[in-house]
C-alpha atoms as a PDB file:
ATOM      1  CA  MET A   1      35.834   5.895 -14.390  1.00  0.00           C
ATOM      2  CA  THR A   2      34.165   2.690 -15.558  1.00  0.00           C
ATOM      3  CA  LYS A   3      33.108   0.596 -12.590  1.00  0.00           C
ATOM      4  CA  LEU A   4      33.973  -3.079 -12.734  1.00  0.00           C
ATOM      5  CA  SER A   5      31.507  -5.584 -11.382  1.00  0.00           C
ATOM      6  CA  PRO A   6      32.088  -6.930  -7.864  1.00  0.00           C
ATOM      7  CA  ASP A   7      32.212 -10.293  -9.685  1.00  0.00           C
ATOM      8  CA  ALA A   8      35.854  -9.369 -10.331  1.00  0.00           C
ATOM      9  CA  THR A   9      36.510 -10.630  -6.792  1.00  0.00           C
ATOM     10  CA  LEU A  10      35.490 -14.115  -7.936  1.00  0.00           C
ATOM     11  CA  ARG A  11      38.162 -14.309 -10.621  1.00  0.00           C
ATOM     12  CA  GLN A  12      41.545 -15.776  -9.825  1.00  0.00           C
ATOM     13  CA  GLY A  13      44.846 -14.163 -10.734  1.00  0.00           C
ATOM     14  CA  GLY A  14      45.603 -14.049 -14.443  1.00  0.00           C
ATOM     15  CA  ASP A  15      41.959 -14.410 -15.473  1.00  0.00           C
ATOM     16  CA  LEU A  16      41.490 -11.343 -17.687  1.00  0.00           C
ATOM     17  CA  ARG A  17      38.172 -12.403 -19.181  1.00  0.00           C
ATOM     18  CA  GLY A  18      36.268  -9.810 -17.159  1.00  0.00           C
ATOM     19  CA  LEU A  19      38.272  -6.942 -18.655  1.00  0.00           C
ATOM     20  CA  SER A  20      37.851  -5.186 -21.981  1.00  0.00           C
ATOM     21  CA  ALA A  21      38.779  -7.312 -24.974  1.00  0.00           C
ATOM     22  CA  ASP A  22      39.681  -4.178 -26.940  1.00  0.00           C
ATOM     23  CA  ARG A  23      42.994  -3.514 -25.240  1.00  0.00           C
ATOM     24  CA  SER A  24      46.014  -5.290 -23.825  1.00  0.00           C
ATOM     25  CA  TYR A  25      46.944  -5.353 -20.148  1.00  0.00           C
ATOM     26  CA  LEU A  26      50.072  -5.681 -18.086  1.00  0.00           C
ATOM     27  CA  ASP A  27      48.954  -8.659 -16.015  1.00  0.00           C
ATOM     28  CA  LEU A  28      50.155  -8.209 -12.431  1.00  0.00           C
ATOM     29  CA  GLY A  29      47.212 -10.175 -11.072  1.00  0.00           C
ATOM     30  CA  THR A  30      48.814 -13.560 -11.442  1.00  0.00           C
ATOM     31  CA  CYS A  31      51.723 -14.563  -9.224  1.00  0.00           C
ATOM     32  CA  VAL A  32      53.612 -16.297 -12.039  1.00  0.00           C
ATOM     33  CA  ASN A  33      57.180 -15.130 -12.712  1.00  0.00           C
ATOM     34  CA  ARG A  34      56.895 -12.718 -15.641  1.00  0.00           C
ATOM     35  CA  TYR A  35      60.453 -13.529 -16.731  1.00  0.00           C
ATOM     36  CA  GLY A  36      59.561 -17.155 -17.398  1.00  0.00           C
ATOM     37  CA  PRO A  37      59.700 -19.662 -18.877  1.00  0.00           C
ATOM     38  CA  PRO A  38      63.493 -19.993 -18.998  1.00  0.00           C
ATOM     39  CA  PRO A  39      65.170 -20.359 -22.421  1.00  0.00           C
ATOM     40  CA  SER A  40      65.650 -24.082 -21.819  1.00  0.00           C
ATOM     41  CA  VAL A  41      61.889 -24.572 -22.261  1.00  0.00           C
ATOM     42  CA  ALA A  42      61.827 -22.916 -25.676  1.00  0.00           C
ATOM     43  CA  ALA A  43      64.783 -25.048 -26.748  1.00  0.00           C
ATOM     44  CA  ALA A  44      63.056 -28.248 -25.585  1.00  0.00           C
ATOM     45  CA  LEU A  45      59.857 -27.397 -27.453  1.00  0.00           C
ATOM     46  CA  GLN A  46      61.740 -26.526 -30.628  1.00  0.00           C
ATOM     47  CA  GLU A  47      63.434 -29.925 -30.524  1.00  0.00           C
ATOM     48  CA  LEU A  48      60.205 -31.778 -29.683  1.00  0.00           C
ATOM     49  CA  ASP A  49      59.703 -35.024 -31.574  1.00  0.00           C
ATOM     50  CA  ILE A  50      55.934 -34.857 -32.154  1.00  0.00           C
ATOM     51  CA  THR A  51      55.712 -38.634 -32.391  1.00  0.00           C
ATOM     52  CA  ARG A  52      56.207 -38.577 -28.589  1.00  0.00           C
ATOM     53  CA  LEU A  53      52.687 -37.164 -28.395  1.00  0.00           C
ATOM     54  CA  ARG A  54      51.158 -40.217 -30.062  1.00  0.00           C
ATOM     55  CA  PRO A  55      51.356 -42.845 -27.275  1.00  0.00           C
ATOM     56  CA  HIS A  56      50.040 -42.527 -23.748  1.00  0.00           C
ATOM     57  CA  PRO A  57      52.482 -40.729 -21.399  1.00  0.00           C
ATOM     58  CA  TYR A  58      53.797 -43.833 -19.629  1.00  0.00           C
ATOM     59  CA  ASP A  59      57.114 -42.248 -18.677  1.00  0.00           C
ATOM     60  CA  ALA A  60      55.974 -38.664 -18.156  1.00  0.00           C
ATOM     61  CA  GLU A  61      55.310 -38.910 -14.440  1.00  0.00           C
ATOM     62  CA  GLN A  62      58.737 -40.380 -13.727  1.00  0.00           C
ATOM     63  CA  MET A  63      60.396 -37.770 -15.967  1.00  0.00           C
ATOM     64  CA  PHE A  64      58.842 -34.998 -13.926  1.00  0.00           C
ATOM     65  CA  VAL A  65      59.343 -36.618 -10.519  1.00  0.00           C
ATOM     66  CA  SER A  66      63.013 -37.328 -11.193  1.00  0.00           C
ATOM     67  CA  ALA A  67      63.709 -33.744 -12.241  1.00  0.00           C
ATOM     68  CA  TYR A  68      61.729 -32.267  -9.349  1.00  0.00           C
ATOM     69  CA  ALA A  69      63.299 -34.556  -6.747  1.00  0.00           C
ATOM     70  CA  GLU A  70      66.733 -33.467  -7.944  1.00  0.00           C
ATOM     71  CA  TYR A  71      65.714 -29.795  -7.783  1.00  0.00           C
ATOM     72  CA  LEU A  72      64.218 -30.125  -4.300  1.00  0.00           C
ATOM     73  CA  GLY A  73      66.967 -32.358  -2.963  1.00  0.00           C
ATOM     74  CA  VAL A  74      64.679 -35.208  -1.879  1.00  0.00           C
ATOM     75  CA  ARG A  75      64.178 -38.855  -2.802  1.00  0.00           C
ATOM     76  CA  SER A  76      61.848 -39.341  -5.746  1.00  0.00           C
ATOM     77  CA  ASP A  77      59.833 -41.993  -3.887  1.00  0.00           C
ATOM     78  CA  GLU A  78      58.838 -39.342  -1.330  1.00  0.00           C
ATOM     79  CA  LEU A  79      56.963 -37.358  -3.993  1.00  0.00           C
ATOM     80  CA  VAL A  80      53.529 -37.870  -5.499  1.00  0.00           C
ATOM     81  CA  ALA A  81      53.087 -36.079  -8.824  1.00  0.00           C
ATOM     82  CA  GLY A  82      49.920 -34.234  -9.746  1.00  0.00           C
ATOM     83  CA  ARG A  83      48.425 -31.431 -11.781  1.00  0.00           C
ATOM     84  CA  GLY A  84      49.582 -28.528  -9.663  1.00  0.00           C
ATOM     85  CA  ILE A  85      49.038 -27.834  -5.980  1.00  0.00           C
ATOM     86  CA  THR A  86      45.335 -27.302  -6.589  1.00  0.00           C
ATOM     87  CA  GLU A  87      44.800 -30.978  -7.411  1.00  0.00           C
ATOM     88  CA  PHE A  88      46.291 -32.046  -4.086  1.00  0.00           C
ATOM     89  CA  ILE A  89      44.247 -29.531  -2.107  1.00  0.00           C
ATOM     90  CA  ARG A  90      41.077 -30.869  -3.699  1.00  0.00           C
ATOM     91  CA  LEU A  91      42.124 -34.495  -3.224  1.00  0.00           C
ATOM     92  CA  LEU A  92      42.876 -33.872   0.442  1.00  0.00           C
ATOM     93  CA  GLY A  93      39.559 -32.072   0.743  1.00  0.00           C
ATOM     94  CA  ARG A  94      37.852 -35.303  -0.331  1.00  0.00           C
ATOM     95  CA  LEU A  95      40.099 -37.714   1.573  1.00  0.00           C
ATOM     96  CA  LEU A  96      40.251 -36.020   4.968  1.00  0.00           C
ATOM     97  CA  PRO A  97      37.274 -35.785   7.366  1.00  0.00           C
ATOM     98  CA  ALA A  98      35.715 -32.343   6.941  1.00  0.00           C
ATOM     99  CA  ASP A  99      35.306 -31.754  10.670  1.00  0.00           C
ATOM    100  CA  GLY A 100      38.937 -32.640  11.325  1.00  0.00           C
ATOM    101  CA  VAL A 101      40.564 -30.018   9.068  1.00  0.00           C
ATOM    102  CA  ALA A 102      40.927 -26.240   9.411  1.00  0.00           C
ATOM    103  CA  VAL A 103      42.591 -23.658   7.179  1.00  0.00           C
ATOM    104  CA  VAL A 104      44.221 -20.502   8.524  1.00  0.00           C
ATOM    105  CA  VAL A 105      42.741 -17.640   6.507  1.00  0.00           C
ATOM    106  CA  PRO A 106      43.158 -15.584   4.444  1.00  0.00           C
ATOM    107  CA  ASP A 107      44.578 -18.184   2.110  1.00  0.00           C
ATOM    108  CA  TYR A 108      44.552 -19.588  -1.421  1.00  0.00           C
ATOM    109  CA  THR A 109      41.190 -19.744  -3.192  1.00  0.00           C
ATOM    110  CA  ASP A 110      40.972 -23.527  -3.436  1.00  0.00           C
ATOM    111  CA  SER A 111      42.036 -24.043   0.177  1.00  0.00           C
ATOM    112  CA  ILE A 112      39.189 -21.788   1.288  1.00  0.00           C
ATOM    113  CA  ARG A 113      36.766 -23.677  -0.936  1.00  0.00           C
ATOM    114  CA  SER A 114      37.975 -27.165  -0.035  1.00  0.00           C
ATOM    115  CA  PHE A 115      38.037 -26.831   3.765  1.00  0.00           C
ATOM    116  CA  SER A 116      35.039 -25.323   5.533  1.00  0.00           C
ATOM    117  CA  ASN A 117      36.623 -24.680   8.948  1.00  0.00           C
ATOM    118  CA  HIS A 118      38.384 -21.309   8.833  1.00  0.00           C
ATOM    119  CA  LEU A 119      40.700 -19.855  11.475  1.00  0.00           C
ATOM    120  CA  ALA A 120      40.484 -16.112  10.906  1.00  0.00           C
ATOM    121  CA  ALA A 121      42.112 -13.148  12.609  1.00  0.00           C
ATOM    122  CA  PRO A 122      39.888 -10.986  14.842  1.00  0.00           C
ATOM    123  CA  ALA A 123      37.832  -8.429  12.919  1.00  0.00           C
ATOM    124  CA  ASP A 124      39.834  -5.373  11.814  1.00  0.00           C
ATOM    125  CA  ALA A 125      43.091  -6.878  13.129  1.00  0.00           C
ATOM    126  CA  SER A 126      46.176  -6.902  10.917  1.00  0.00           C
ATOM    127  CA  ASP A 127      47.885 -10.231  10.362  1.00  0.00           C
ATOM    128  CA  THR A 128      51.536 -10.762  11.244  1.00  0.00           C
ATOM    129  CA  PRO A 129      53.758 -13.858  11.371  1.00  0.00           C
ATOM    130  CA  ASP A 130      53.097 -14.056  15.124  1.00  0.00           C
ATOM    131  CA  THR A 131      49.303 -13.818  14.867  1.00  0.00           C
ATOM    132  CA  ARG A 132      49.214 -16.414  12.113  1.00  0.00           C
ATOM    133  CA  LEU A 133      51.521 -18.705  14.083  1.00  0.00           C
ATOM    134  CA  ALA A 134      49.194 -18.405  17.091  1.00  0.00           C
ATOM    135  CA  ARG A 135      46.224 -19.492  14.961  1.00  0.00           C
ATOM    136  CA  ILE A 136      48.228 -22.422  13.603  1.00  0.00           C
ATOM    137  CA  ALA A 137      48.997 -23.534  17.144  1.00  0.00           C
ATOM    138  CA  GLU A 138      45.337 -23.106  18.089  1.00  0.00           C
ATOM    139  CA  GLY A 139      44.299 -25.121  15.054  1.00  0.00           C
ATOM    140  CA  MET A 140      46.732 -27.954  15.714  1.00  0.00           C
ATOM    141  CA  ALA A 141      45.486 -28.158  19.302  1.00  0.00           C
ATOM    142  CA  ASN A 142      41.906 -28.649  18.084  1.00  0.00           C
ATOM    143  CA  TYR A 143      42.039 -30.279  14.631  1.00  0.00           C
ATOM    144  CA  ASP A 144      43.670 -33.355  13.138  1.00  0.00           C
ATOM    145  CA  TYR A 145      44.941 -31.306  10.181  1.00  0.00           C
ATOM    146  CA  VAL A 146      45.713 -27.620   9.693  1.00  0.00           C
ATOM    147  CA  VAL A 147      46.227 -26.127   6.236  1.00  0.00           C
ATOM    148  CA  ILE A 148      48.320 -23.019   5.547  1.00  0.00           C
ATOM    149  CA  SER A 149      50.155 -21.368   2.693  1.00  0.00           C
ATOM    150  CA  ASN A 150      53.677 -20.232   3.560  1.00  0.00           C
ATOM    151  CA  PRO A 151      54.585 -17.686   2.276  1.00  0.00           C
ATOM    152  CA  ASN A 152      50.935 -16.768   2.561  1.00  0.00           C
ATOM    153  CA  ASN A 153      48.757 -16.153  -0.461  1.00  0.00           C
ATOM    154  CA  PRO A 154      47.611 -13.357  -0.711  1.00  0.00           C
ATOM    155  CA  LEU A 155      49.392 -11.472   2.102  1.00  0.00           C
ATOM    156  CA  GLY A 156      52.949 -12.643   1.433  1.00  0.00           C
ATOM    157  CA  ILE A 157      53.620 -13.174   5.165  1.00  0.00           C
ATOM    158  CA  TYR A 158      56.265 -15.818   5.817  1.00  0.00           C
ATOM    159  CA  ILE A 159      56.626 -17.852   9.019  1.00  0.00           C
ATOM    160  CA  ARG A 160      60.103 -19.214   9.698  1.00  0.00           C
ATOM    161  CA  VAL A 161      60.697 -22.950   9.529  1.00  0.00           C
ATOM    162  CA  ASP A 162      61.956 -23.044  13.126  1.00  0.00           C
ATOM    163  CA  ASP A 163      58.713 -21.507  14.397  1.00  0.00           C
ATOM    164  CA  LEU A 164      56.482 -23.875  12.428  1.00  0.00           C
ATOM    165  CA  THR A 165      58.629 -26.820  13.494  1.00  0.00           C
ATOM    166  CA  ALA A 166      58.222 -25.907  17.156  1.00  0.00           C
ATOM    167  CA  VAL A 167      54.430 -25.838  16.778  1.00  0.00           C
ATOM    168  CA  CYS A 168      54.454 -29.205  14.997  1.00  0.00           C
ATOM    169  CA  ARG A 169      56.530 -30.728  17.792  1.00  0.00           C
ATOM    170  CA  ALA A 170      54.200 -29.273  20.410  1.00  0.00           C
ATOM    171  CA  HIS A 171      51.198 -30.912  18.711  1.00  0.00           C
ATOM    172  CA  PRO A 172      52.408 -34.291  17.403  1.00  0.00           C
ATOM    173  CA  GLU A 173      48.833 -35.611  17.170  1.00  0.00           C
ATOM    174  CA  SER A 174      47.987 -33.056  14.461  1.00  0.00           C
ATOM    175  CA  THR A 175      49.419 -32.727  10.933  1.00  0.00           C
ATOM    176  CA  LEU A 176      50.362 -29.437   9.290  1.00  0.00           C
ATOM    177  CA  ILE A 177      49.672 -29.265   5.533  1.00  0.00           C
ATOM    178  CA  VAL A 178      51.817 -26.515   4.004  1.00  0.00           C
ATOM    179  CA  ASP A 179      51.180 -25.051   0.554  1.00  0.00           C
ATOM    180  CA  GLU A 180      54.625 -23.799  -0.478  1.00  0.00           C
ATOM    181  CA  ALA A 181      53.742 -22.457  -3.928  1.00  0.00           C
ATOM    182  CA  TYR A 182      55.855 -19.358  -3.266  1.00  0.00           C
ATOM    183  CA  ILE A 183      58.707 -20.744  -1.176  1.00  0.00           C
ATOM    184  CA  ASP A 184      60.923 -20.626  -4.289  1.00  0.00           C
ATOM    185  CA  PHE A 185      60.751 -16.816  -4.302  1.00  0.00           C
ATOM    186  CA  THR A 186      62.235 -16.435  -0.833  1.00  0.00           C
ATOM    187  CA  THR A 187      65.918 -15.579  -0.713  1.00  0.00           C
ATOM    188  CA  ASP A 188      67.034 -19.139   0.031  1.00  0.00           C
ATOM    189  CA  GLY A 189      64.334 -20.781  -2.087  1.00  0.00           C
ATOM    190  CA  VAL A 190      63.437 -24.374  -1.363  1.00  0.00           C
ATOM    191  CA  ARG A 191      66.156 -24.613   1.309  1.00  0.00           C
ATOM    192  CA  GLN A 192      63.532 -22.980   3.580  1.00  0.00           C
ATOM    193  CA  SER A 193      60.948 -25.679   2.878  1.00  0.00           C
ATOM    194  CA  MET A 194      59.243 -27.592   5.684  1.00  0.00           C
ATOM    195  CA  ILE A 195      60.409 -30.703   3.855  1.00  0.00           C
ATOM    196  CA  PHE A 196      63.678 -30.325   5.755  1.00  0.00           C
ATOM    197  CA  ALA A 197      62.165 -29.530   9.167  1.00  0.00           C
ATOM    198  CA  GLY A 198      62.697 -33.056  10.461  1.00  0.00           C
ATOM    199  CA  VAL A 199      59.195 -33.503  11.907  1.00  0.00           C
ATOM    200  CA  PRO A 200      56.904 -36.391  10.900  1.00  0.00           C
ATOM    201  CA  ASN A 201      53.584 -34.519  11.129  1.00  0.00           C
ATOM    202  CA  VAL A 202      53.943 -32.311   8.079  1.00  0.00           C
ATOM    203  CA  VAL A 203      52.774 -32.576   4.465  1.00  0.00           C
ATOM    204  CA  VAL A 204      54.252 -30.210   1.883  1.00  0.00           C
ATOM    205  CA  LEU A 205      52.685 -29.170  -1.426  1.00  0.00           C
ATOM    206  CA  GLN A 206      55.094 -27.835  -4.040  1.00  0.00           C
ATOM    207  CA  SER A 207      54.991 -26.735  -7.677  1.00  0.00           C
ATOM    208  CA  PRO A 208      57.473 -25.279 -10.167  1.00  0.00           C
ATOM    209  CA  ASN A 209      54.680 -23.461 -12.031  1.00  0.00           C
ATOM    210  CA  LYS A 210      55.028 -20.053 -10.381  1.00  0.00           C
ATOM    211  CA  LEU A 211      58.801 -19.578 -10.221  1.00  0.00           C
ATOM    212  CA  PHE A 212      59.511 -20.970 -13.669  1.00  0.00           C
ATOM    213  CA  GLY A 213      56.638 -19.160 -15.375  1.00  0.00           C
ATOM    214  CA  ILE A 214      54.983 -22.357 -16.619  1.00  0.00           C
ATOM    215  CA  ALA A 215      51.511 -22.213 -15.056  1.00  0.00           C
ATOM    216  CA  GLY A 216      50.092 -23.041 -18.485  1.00  0.00           C
ATOM    217  CA  THR A 217      51.334 -26.550 -17.778  1.00  0.00           C
ATOM    218  CA  ARG A 218      50.018 -28.290 -14.679  1.00  0.00           C
ATOM    219  CA  THR A 219      52.694 -29.867 -12.520  1.00  0.00           C
ATOM    220  CA  GLY A 220      53.095 -30.186  -8.789  1.00  0.00           C
ATOM    221  CA  ALA A 221      54.048 -32.625  -6.088  1.00  0.00           C
ATOM    222  CA  LEU A 222      52.982 -33.699  -2.635  1.00  0.00           C
ATOM    223  CA  TRP A 223      55.800 -34.553  -0.244  1.00  0.00           C
ATOM    224  CA  SER A 224      55.170 -36.657   2.833  1.00  0.00           C
ATOM    225  CA  GLY A 225      57.242 -38.935   5.015  1.00  0.00           C
ATOM    226  CA  SER A 226      54.179 -41.172   5.372  1.00  0.00           C
ATOM    227  CA  PRO A 227      53.993 -43.970   2.779  1.00  0.00           C
ATOM    228  CA  ALA A 228      50.338 -44.564   3.762  1.00  0.00           C
ATOM    229  CA  LEU A 229      49.352 -40.985   2.999  1.00  0.00           C
ATOM    230  CA  ARG A 230      51.262 -40.989  -0.278  1.00  0.00           C
ATOM    231  CA  GLU A 231      49.527 -44.197  -1.320  1.00  0.00           C
ATOM    232  CA  SER A 232      46.088 -42.841  -0.380  1.00  0.00           C
ATOM    233  CA  VAL A 233      46.600 -39.675  -2.400  1.00  0.00           C
ATOM    234  CA  SER A 234      48.100 -41.559  -5.360  1.00  0.00           C
ATOM    235  CA  ALA A 235      45.091 -43.869  -5.498  1.00  0.00           C
ATOM    236  CA  GLU A 236      42.706 -40.907  -5.850  1.00  0.00           C
ATOM    237  CA  ARG A 237      44.411 -39.334  -8.853  1.00  0.00           C
ATOM    238  CA  LEU A 238      43.101 -39.686 -12.382  1.00  0.00           C
ATOM    239  CA  ASN A 239      44.989 -41.799 -14.899  1.00  0.00           C
ATOM    240  CA  TRP A 240      47.940 -40.044 -16.534  1.00  0.00           C
ATOM    241  CA  PRO A 241      48.420 -37.332 -13.875  1.00  0.00           C
ATOM    242  CA  ILE A 242      51.181 -35.702 -15.941  1.00  0.00           C
ATOM    243  CA  SER A 243      51.105 -35.294 -19.709  1.00  0.00           C
ATOM    244  CA  TYR A 244      54.212 -35.693 -21.816  1.00  0.00           C
ATOM    245  CA  LEU A 245      54.243 -31.963 -22.618  1.00  0.00           C
ATOM    246  CA  ASP A 246      53.858 -31.094 -18.929  1.00  0.00           C
ATOM    247  CA  ALA A 247      56.818 -33.320 -18.092  1.00  0.00           C
ATOM    248  CA  LEU A 248      58.956 -32.034 -20.952  1.00  0.00           C
ATOM    249  CA  VAL A 249      58.402 -28.375 -20.088  1.00  0.00           C
ATOM    250  CA  SER A 250      58.806 -28.750 -16.331  1.00  0.00           C
ATOM    251  CA  SER A 251      61.865 -31.018 -16.431  1.00  0.00           C
ATOM    252  CA  SER A 252      63.559 -28.646 -18.907  1.00  0.00           C
ATOM    253  CA  ALA A 253      62.764 -25.643 -16.712  1.00  0.00           C
ATOM    254  CA  LEU A 254      63.918 -27.309 -13.508  1.00  0.00           C
ATOM    255  CA  ARG A 255      67.423 -27.749 -14.859  1.00  0.00           C
ATOM    256  CA  SER A 256      68.041 -23.989 -15.128  1.00  0.00           C
ATOM    257  CA  PRO A 257      69.732 -23.095 -11.795  1.00  0.00           C
ATOM    258  CA  GLU A 258      71.521 -19.991 -13.074  1.00  0.00           C
ATOM    259  CA  TRP A 259      68.275 -18.638 -14.514  1.00  0.00           C
ATOM    260  CA  VAL A 260      66.523 -19.261 -11.181  1.00  0.00           C
ATOM    261  CA  SER A 261      69.144 -17.354  -9.219  1.00  0.00           C
ATOM    262  CA  MET A 262      69.137 -14.423 -11.625  1.00  0.00           C
ATOM    263  CA  THR A 263      65.372 -14.016 -11.958  1.00  0.00           C
ATOM    264  CA  ARG A 264      64.698 -14.489  -8.240  1.00  0.00           C
ATOM    265  CA  HIS A 265      67.107 -11.664  -7.451  1.00  0.00           C
ATOM    266  CA  ARG A 266      65.595  -9.398 -10.118  1.00  0.00           C
ATOM    267  CA  LEU A 267      62.041 -10.052  -8.960  1.00  0.00           C
ATOM    268  CA  LEU A 268      62.754  -9.526  -5.277  1.00  0.00           C
ATOM    269  CA  THR A 269      64.626  -6.306  -6.061  1.00  0.00           C
ATOM    270  CA  THR A 270      61.754  -5.000  -8.169  1.00  0.00           C
ATOM    271  CA  ALA A 271      59.226  -6.075  -5.534  1.00  0.00           C
ATOM    272  CA  ALA A 272      61.072  -4.002  -2.922  1.00  0.00           C
ATOM    273  CA  GLU A 273      60.997  -0.997  -5.268  1.00  0.00           C
ATOM    274  CA  MET A 274      57.305  -1.625  -5.933  1.00  0.00           C
ATOM    275  CA  GLU A 275      56.644  -1.682  -2.177  1.00  0.00           C
ATOM    276  CA  ILE A 276      58.068   1.836  -1.863  1.00  0.00           C
ATOM    277  CA  LEU A 277      55.967   2.971  -4.827  1.00  0.00           C
ATOM    278  CA  LEU A 278      52.784   1.513  -3.351  1.00  0.00           C
ATOM    279  CA  GLN A 279      53.426   3.064   0.068  1.00  0.00           C
ATOM    280  CA  LYS A 280      53.453   6.523  -1.524  1.00  0.00           C
ATOM    281  CA  ARG A 281      49.814   6.051  -2.512  1.00  0.00           C
ATOM    282  CA  PHE A 282      48.320   3.496  -0.106  1.00  0.00           C
ATOM    283  CA  SER A 283      48.489   3.094   3.669  1.00  0.00           C
ATOM    284  CA  GLY A 284      47.628  -0.609   3.855  1.00  0.00           C
ATOM    285  CA  VAL A 285      50.677  -2.184   2.191  1.00  0.00           C
ATOM    286  CA  VAL A 286      51.893  -5.405   3.800  1.00  0.00           C
ATOM    287  CA  THR A 287      55.628  -4.725   3.980  1.00  0.00           C
ATOM    288  CA  ASP A 288      58.887  -6.613   4.428  1.00  0.00           C
ATOM    289  CA  VAL A 289      57.634  -9.896   3.001  1.00  0.00           C
ATOM    290  CA  PRO A 290      60.085 -12.181   1.138  1.00  0.00           C
ATOM    291  CA  VAL A 291      58.008 -12.650  -2.017  1.00  0.00           C
ATOM    292  CA  HIS A 292      57.595 -11.057  -5.435  1.00  0.00           C
ATOM    293  CA  TYR A 293      54.106  -9.659  -4.772  1.00  0.00           C
ATOM    294  CA  ARG A 294      52.552  -7.234  -2.307  1.00  0.00           C
ATOM    295  CA  PHE A 295      49.121  -7.079  -0.714  1.00  0.00           C
ATOM    296  CA  VAL A 296      47.451  -3.716  -0.182  1.00  0.00           C
ATOM    297  CA  ALA A 297      44.570  -3.685   2.294  1.00  0.00           C
ATOM    298  CA  MET A 298      41.910  -1.097   1.405  1.00  0.00           C
ATOM    299  CA  ASP A 299      38.170  -0.605   1.610  1.00  0.00           C
ATOM    300  CA  ASP A 300      37.768   0.692  -1.967  1.00  0.00           C
ATOM    301  CA  ALA A 301      39.618  -2.170  -3.653  1.00  0.00           C
ATOM    302  CA  ILE A 302      37.018  -2.617  -6.426  1.00  0.00           C
ATOM    303  CA  ASP A 303      37.303   1.040  -7.466  1.00  0.00           C
ATOM    304  CA  VAL A 304      41.120   1.053  -7.370  1.00  0.00           C
ATOM    305  CA  HIS A 305      41.161  -2.218  -9.334  1.00  0.00           C
ATOM    306  CA  ALA A 306      38.944  -0.565 -11.980  1.00  0.00           C
ATOM    307  CA  GLY A 307      41.130   2.528 -12.134  1.00  0.00           C
ATOM    308  CA  LEU A 308      44.272   0.487 -12.659  1.00  0.00           C
ATOM    309  CA  ALA A 309      42.494  -1.534 -15.356  1.00  0.00           C
ATOM    310  CA  GLU A 310      41.671   1.691 -17.204  1.00  0.00           C
ATOM    311  CA  ALA A 311      45.387   2.467 -17.072  1.00  0.00           C
ATOM    312  CA  GLY A 312      46.163  -0.950 -18.554  1.00  0.00           C
ATOM    313  CA  ILE A 313      47.229  -2.710 -15.328  1.00  0.00           C
ATOM    314  CA  ALA A 314      45.460  -5.890 -14.188  1.00  0.00           C
ATOM    315  CA  VAL A 315      45.738  -6.781 -10.493  1.00  0.00           C
ATOM    316  CA  ARG A 316      43.979  -9.290  -8.227  1.00  0.00           C
ATOM    317  CA  VAL A 317      41.110  -7.935  -6.134  1.00  0.00           C
ATOM    318  CA  PHE A 318      39.691  -9.467  -2.928  1.00  0.00           C
ATOM    319  CA  SER A 319      36.636  -8.720  -0.809  1.00  0.00           C
ATOM    320  CA  LYS A 320      36.017  -9.562   2.849  1.00  0.00           C
ATOM    321  CA  LYS A 321      32.366 -10.139   1.932  1.00  0.00           C
ATOM    322  CA  GLN A 322      33.579 -13.592   0.902  1.00  0.00           C
ATOM    323  CA  ARG A 323      34.527 -16.104   3.613  1.00  0.00           C
ATOM    324  CA  GLY A 324      38.218 -16.389   4.248  1.00  0.00           C
ATOM    325  CA  ARG A 325      39.089 -13.101   2.566  1.00  0.00           C
ATOM    326  CA  VAL A 326      40.319  -9.655   3.443  1.00  0.00           C
ATOM    327  CA  THR A 327      39.555  -6.657   1.242  1.00  0.00           C
ATOM    328  CA  GLY A 328      42.414  -5.406  -0.882  1.00  0.00           C
ATOM    329  CA  LEU A 329      44.631  -5.880  -3.924  1.00  0.00           C
ATOM    330  CA  ARG A 330      47.471  -8.282  -4.629  1.00  0.00           C
ATOM    331  CA  ILE A 331      50.025  -6.910  -7.074  1.00  0.00           C
ATOM    332  CA  THR A 332      52.876  -8.921  -8.579  1.00  0.00           C
ATOM    333  CA  ALA A 333      56.233  -7.360  -9.372  1.00  0.00           C
ATOM    334  CA  PRO A 334      56.603  -6.530 -13.081  1.00  0.00           C
ATOM    335  CA  ARG A 335      59.746  -7.123 -15.108  1.00  0.00           C
ATOM    336  CA  ASP A 336      62.377  -4.385 -15.052  1.00  0.00           C
ATOM    337  CA  ASP A 337      61.245  -3.072 -18.428  1.00  0.00           C
ATOM    338  CA  GLU A 338      57.589  -2.967 -17.305  1.00  0.00           C
ATOM    339  CA  PHE A 339      58.068  -1.073 -14.049  1.00  0.00           C
ATOM    340  CA  HIS A 340      57.461   2.339 -15.646  1.00  0.00           C
ATOM    341  CA  GLN A 341      53.967   1.239 -16.706  1.00  0.00           C
ATOM    342  CA  LEU A 342      52.992   0.468 -13.124  1.00  0.00           C
ATOM    343  CA  ALA A 343      54.586   3.674 -11.859  1.00  0.00           C
ATOM    344  CA  ALA A 344      52.642   5.724 -14.423  1.00  0.00           C
ATOM    345  CA  ALA A 345      49.353   4.007 -13.546  1.00  0.00           C
ATOM    346  CA  LEU A 346      49.835   4.618  -9.824  1.00  0.00           C
ATOM    347  CA  SER A 347      50.685   8.296 -10.323  1.00  0.00           C
ATOM    348  CA  GLY A 348      47.671   8.893 -12.576  1.00  0.00           C
END
């Protein structure tokens, strides 16, 4: 078997540049919905008046914000638009005092990079909703801001809104910053967002990129009940935070409720079937998580990653040698018609 470089652990999901250029891969390393984009996006692009690309995108931000506010069920003036969740994480990393922020790890790549204080589980301990919630409470007792992803990236662990709300109420002097990139994939979708928790000390980061399969565009929003925070973040953005094409694609996708319901159900069903398949081969599968991907903890992740790549399957590999990581693989649910490829690779 050809060994892949440990540098593979430095590549984010969907980055296939480290793999052979001589073959195609089923990319299960990115957490983007493989059924997307919805047909409404193709229709919008086919009808595109290219003269709209000539002027600066004066109305693009409002086009996106209006569509996203309607989808989320919030007021548009409570949202700040940006180029995906990553932009907001990096902006907050510059705006907030470094010694006053901690991130509960493992977590998203840019959260780990942007915030140097990490709240990790004890060595060799398995994470659960309860252990993560305990670290959040510990963090909010000692830091002005605590950053989490919920559902967690890469583990998929989800902490219930009621539990997070209770911690926020117990520590009103601290603010919880919640990356909800994958909340859409949970059974009730954005209805489970911390936006609706009714506590003032929470900031929510959202994006339609993953669910709607449009990560090639860069759209996202920061929600906060604090006008001062929204104004501070807005002032740090670059000019033209949303392009016209970004706004056109995202607003078209966001108005596809039937497609959302159908694809969410299909993905979660396939993910449950994939979980069973993975458990037949690996002992470290994180189970019973409400997302469309699964994390498999293992010591030989680099070798398994390479073996799957030889079988034409690309997955995301992590190493605990890097701060804020645990060693293992994150695998996204394929489409129905792709499942046999994963099954064949895992049985090989």
